[in-house]
């Protein structure tokens, strides 16, 4: 098959597909040359950075499949693709570990003031008393959006000895023992740390966190936003 990469992917992935006998066109670094490959492309692989709209779909006369390497497919005109008999696929489990680890990197850095302490040392200072930060152990983490990524974050929080509460409009029961599903207002009131993983569609959803929601939170709560579309 003729496979067109329109966004940047690791070379190991491209090589693996080539070794399977497929013909690969990679225009991720030179998007201006994509048009000349579209006519023969049977599969387009993207990564959210490129909008696969009607114009692109119409140019790809042999197109049979569009694959988005990630959770969301909101960069693809799904209805138009389906009307033309083109399959649309994505890889919802691919980023869940890396995002969960990234959340904890941000969480530890912010809670323990690692970035500020490092910057202070680089400037020739060491104001130790300013950088004690806060321990995670025994604190409550609120996870807003308890899908694949939210659950991976919760697993890591439990390993740190944290208490977890979760909120998800699609869940009435928790998929993880010991993690209650609560209303958003309740989550905001009890959480010391809040991590956002709910998808957002501007055409469908209202703003999740407004002045009202901030007023419900504890003082000095730490919020990490890794929500899709957030």
Foldseek 3Di string as FASTA:
>chain_A
DEEEEQADDDPVVVVVVVVVVYHYHYCRVPNVCVLVSQCDHQEYEYAPPAQAEPVSVVSNNNHAEYEYEEQDDVSYPVVVCVVVNHYYYYDHQVCQLVVLVVVVVVVCCVQQVVVVQVVQVVVVHHPPVVRRGDQLAAFEEEEEACDSNSVSNVVVSVVSNYQYEYEYPVDPADPDPRHYYDHLLVSQQRHLEYEYAAEDDPVPDDDDDDPVSVVNHDPNRHYHYPYHVD
